[in-house]
Amino acid sequence: MQLLSLFSTLGLALVLGLLPPAVHADAGHDHGEAPAAAAGLALPRFAATSDLFELVGVLDGQKLALYLDHAGDNRPVKEAQLELDIAGTRVPVTRVAEGEFQAALAAPLAEGVSPVTVTVVAGTETDLLAGEIDVHAAAHAHAEPAGRRNALVAGAVAAVLLALAAVWGLRRSRAARVGGAV
């Protein structure tokens, strides 16, 4: 009986451990939304620097976010204009905020390394930045999401608990028959 109680306690602890934190907290103890966990691989990016400027580009599908700072102190570059060329194709760039730009590629980049050149014009300063962006197919394209994995683990724990309950019920019924027949 004590062994069954131990297994039941361990099974319950496992099931409760798989529940999201919001289930454990009552109204006065909620610490807000948990930070989003990184899922999958990082987005492809490139960096290009010179004595004057630093540019970082982050590719998300066919959208490219660009961040331009002064190399000396990382201040966003004000009133800058960018001319972007990726793998020999000119890509139009739009300014979003000081030092932030976006571009939309006409087609997805081919897998592999593509050269990137950017002409920066900011006031009286002009510079040519060069870099490379490395695009690869997702290595874990067939990986299961964490939620599905947790559901599978919870199902397995529930199956073990049900099996333990069935064994316990059979033992009780046998004990009752043996005890009642004597």
Protein backbone atom coordinates (compact mmCIF):
# COMPACT_ATOMS: atom_id res chain seq x y z
CA MET A 1 0.00 0.00 0.00
CA GLN A 2 2.80 2.43 0.85
CA LEU A 3 4.45 1.76 -2.53
CA LEU A 4 1.19 2.56 -4.33
CA SER A 5 0.86 5.79 -2.32
CA LEU A 6 4.42 6.75 -3.26
CA PHE A 7 3.74 6.13 -6.98
CA SER A 8 0.49 8.11 -6.82
CA THR A 9 2.25 11.04 -5.17
CA LEU A 10 5.06 11.00 -7.74
CA GLY A 11 2.57 10.78 -10.62
CA LEU A 12 0.56 13.71 -9.26
CA ALA A 13 3.74 15.76 -8.89
CA LEU A 14 4.66 15.03 -12.51
CA VAL A 15 1.22 16.03 -13.79
CA LEU A 16 1.22 19.26 -11.75
CA GLY A 17 4.73 20.05 -12.97
CA LEU A 18 3.49 20.00 -16.57
CA LEU A 19 0.76 22.59 -15.93
CA PRO A 20 1.45 26.19 -17.02
CA PRO A 21 2.48 28.57 -14.19
CA ALA A 22 -0.80 30.52 -14.43
CA VAL A 23 -2.68 27.43 -13.18
CA HIS A 24 -0.60 27.37 -9.97
CA ALA A 25 -1.08 31.06 -9.08
CA ASP A 26 -4.23 32.57 -7.63
CA ALA A 27 -5.42 36.12 -8.40
CA GLY A 28 -3.02 37.74 -5.92
CA HIS A 29 0.08 35.86 -7.00
CA ASP A 30 0.12 36.12 -10.76
CA HIS A 31 3.44 37.49 -11.99
CA GLY A 32 2.19 38.33 -15.47
CA GLU A 33 2.95 36.63 -18.72
CA ALA A 34 6.09 34.54 -18.87
CA PRO A 35 8.66 35.75 -21.38
CA ALA A 36 8.31 34.06 -24.74
CA ALA A 37 10.75 31.21 -25.15
CA ALA A 38 12.82 31.12 -28.25
CA ALA A 39 11.34 28.61 -30.60
CA GLY A 40 13.33 27.09 -33.37
CA LEU A 41 16.41 28.55 -34.93
CA ALA A 42 17.47 32.19 -34.94
CA LEU A 43 16.52 34.27 -37.97
CA PRO A 44 19.24 34.81 -40.58
CA ARG A 45 21.13 38.06 -40.10
CA PHE A 46 24.13 39.99 -41.30
CA ALA A 47 26.34 42.74 -39.96
CA ALA A 48 28.35 45.29 -41.92
CA THR A 49 30.65 47.84 -40.28
CA SER A 50 32.96 50.66 -41.20
CA ASP A 51 34.73 53.45 -39.33
CA LEU A 52 31.54 55.53 -39.51
CA PHE A 53 28.56 53.13 -39.35
CA GLU A 54 27.37 49.76 -38.12
CA LEU A 55 24.45 48.06 -39.88
CA VAL A 56 22.62 44.91 -38.79
CA GLY A 57 20.01 43.22 -40.94
CA VAL A 58 17.55 40.54 -39.75
CA LEU A 59 15.71 38.49 -42.36
CA ASP A 60 12.25 37.10 -41.54
CA GLY A 61 10.92 35.37 -44.64
CA GLN A 62 10.95 38.09 -47.28
CA LYS A 63 10.99 40.97 -44.79
CA LEU A 64 14.29 42.52 -43.82
CA ALA A 65 14.68 44.75 -40.75
CA LEU A 66 17.74 47.02 -40.82
CA TYR A 67 19.33 48.85 -37.87
CA LEU A 68 21.92 51.57 -38.53
CA ASP A 69 24.09 53.06 -35.74
CA HIS A 70 27.15 55.28 -35.51
CA ALA A 71 30.20 53.04 -35.05
CA GLY A 72 31.72 55.22 -32.33
CA ASP A 73 28.87 55.33 -29.84
CA ASN A 74 25.98 53.17 -31.16
CA ARG A 75 23.63 56.13 -31.53
CA PRO A 76 20.98 55.60 -34.22
CA VAL A 77 21.86 57.45 -37.40
CA LYS A 78 19.44 60.33 -38.01
CA GLU A 79 18.20 61.33 -41.46
CA ALA A 80 20.02 58.49 -43.22
CA GLN A 81 19.19 57.05 -46.62
CA LEU A 82 20.13 53.50 -47.60
CA GLU A 83 20.64 51.86 -50.97
CA LEU A 84 20.60 48.08 -50.52
CA ASP A 85 21.87 45.42 -52.89
CA ILE A 86 21.54 41.71 -52.07
CA ALA A 87 23.12 39.16 -54.41
CA GLY A 88 23.13 41.67 -57.29
CA THR A 89 19.49 42.72 -56.84
CA ARG A 90 18.59 46.24 -55.72
CA VAL A 91 16.08 46.18 -52.85
CA PRO A 92 13.99 49.27 -51.98
CA VAL A 93 14.40 50.42 -48.36
CA THR A 94 11.94 52.45 -46.27
CA ARG A 95 12.82 54.39 -43.12
CA VAL A 96 10.72 53.37 -40.10
CA ALA A 97 12.37 55.45 -37.35
CA GLU A 98 15.75 57.00 -36.57
CA GLY A 99 18.26 54.30 -37.43
CA GLU A 100 15.56 51.72 -38.29
CA PHE A 101 14.62 50.64 -41.79
CA GLN A 102 12.71 47.87 -43.49
CA ALA A 103 12.84 46.24 -46.88
CA ALA A 104 10.72 43.67 -48.65
CA LEU A 105 12.41 41.17 -50.94
CA ALA A 106 10.63 40.37 -54.20
CA ALA A 107 11.44 36.67 -53.75
CA PRO A 108 12.91 34.55 -50.95
CA LEU A 109 16.69 34.43 -50.86
CA ALA A 110 18.32 31.30 -52.22
CA GLU A 111 19.76 28.95 -49.64
CA GLY A 112 23.43 29.65 -48.95
CA VAL A 113 25.57 32.77 -48.61
CA SER A 114 24.53 35.96 -50.42
CA PRO A 115 26.61 39.15 -50.61
CA VAL A 116 25.07 42.33 -49.19
CA THR A 117 26.21 45.87 -50.00
CA VAL A 118 24.67 49.03 -48.59
CA THR A 119 25.39 52.63 -49.47
CA VAL A 120 24.70 54.92 -46.52
CA VAL A 121 24.14 58.65 -46.99
CA ALA A 122 23.72 60.62 -43.75
CA GLY A 123 24.11 64.38 -44.04
CA THR A 124 27.61 64.99 -45.41
CA GLU A 125 28.81 61.45 -44.64
CA THR A 126 28.65 58.70 -47.26
CA ASP A 127 29.90 55.16 -46.79
CA LEU A 128 29.75 51.76 -48.48
CA LEU A 129 29.15 48.79 -46.18
CA ALA A 130 29.58 45.16 -47.20
CA GLY A 131 28.59 41.87 -45.57
CA GLU A 132 27.09 38.46 -46.21
CA ILE A 133 23.84 36.83 -45.19
CA ASP A 134 23.79 33.07 -44.73
CA VAL A 135 20.38 31.45 -45.29
CA HIS A 136 19.80 27.77 -44.54
CA ALA A 137 16.69 25.60 -44.40
CA ALA A 138 15.52 25.03 -40.85
CA ALA A 139 17.53 22.15 -39.41
CA HIS A 140 14.68 21.24 -37.09
CA ALA A 141 11.78 21.66 -39.49
CA HIS A 142 10.19 18.44 -38.24
CA ALA A 143 10.71 19.10 -34.53
CA GLU A 144 7.57 18.83 -32.45
CA PRO A 145 6.39 21.93 -30.61
CA ALA A 146 6.95 21.93 -26.84
CA GLY A 147 3.19 21.97 -26.17
CA ARG A 148 2.70 18.72 -28.04
CA ARG A 149 5.62 17.11 -26.23
CA ASN A 150 4.14 18.16 -22.87
CA ALA A 151 0.78 16.72 -23.87
CA LEU A 152 2.41 13.41 -24.77
CA VAL A 153 4.27 13.29 -21.45
CA ALA A 154 1.07 14.13 -19.56
CA GLY A 155 -0.76 11.35 -21.42
CA ALA A 156 1.96 8.85 -20.55
CA VAL A 157 1.85 9.87 -16.88
CA ALA A 158 -1.94 9.56 -16.88
CA ALA A 159 -1.69 6.08 -18.43
CA VAL A 160 0.78 4.98 -15.73
CA LEU A 161 -1.50 6.34 -13.01
CA LEU A 162 -4.49 4.53 -14.50
CA ALA A 163 -2.50 1.29 -14.65
CA LEU A 164 -1.47 1.71 -11.00
CA ALA A 165 -5.08 2.36 -10.02
CA ALA A 166 -6.18 -0.77 -11.90
CA VAL A 167 -3.52 -2.90 -10.16
CA TRP A 168 -4.54 -1.48 -6.81
CA GLY A 169 -8.21 -2.24 -7.54
CA LEU A 170 -7.40 -5.84 -8.54
CA ARG A 171 -5.33 -6.37 -5.40
CA ARG A 172 -8.15 -5.02 -3.23
CA SER A 173 -10.74 -7.24 -4.89
CA ARG A 174 -8.49 -10.31 -4.51
CA ALA A 175 -7.85 -9.45 -0.88
CA ALA A 176 -11.62 -9.04 -0.31
CA ARG A 177 -12.35 -12.44 -1.95
CA VAL A 178 -9.61 -14.21 -0.01
CA GLY A 179 -10.61 -12.50 3.22
CA GLY A 180 -14.35 -13.09 2.66
CA ALA A 181 -13.96 -16.79 1.72
CA VAL A 182 -12.10 -17.70 4.93
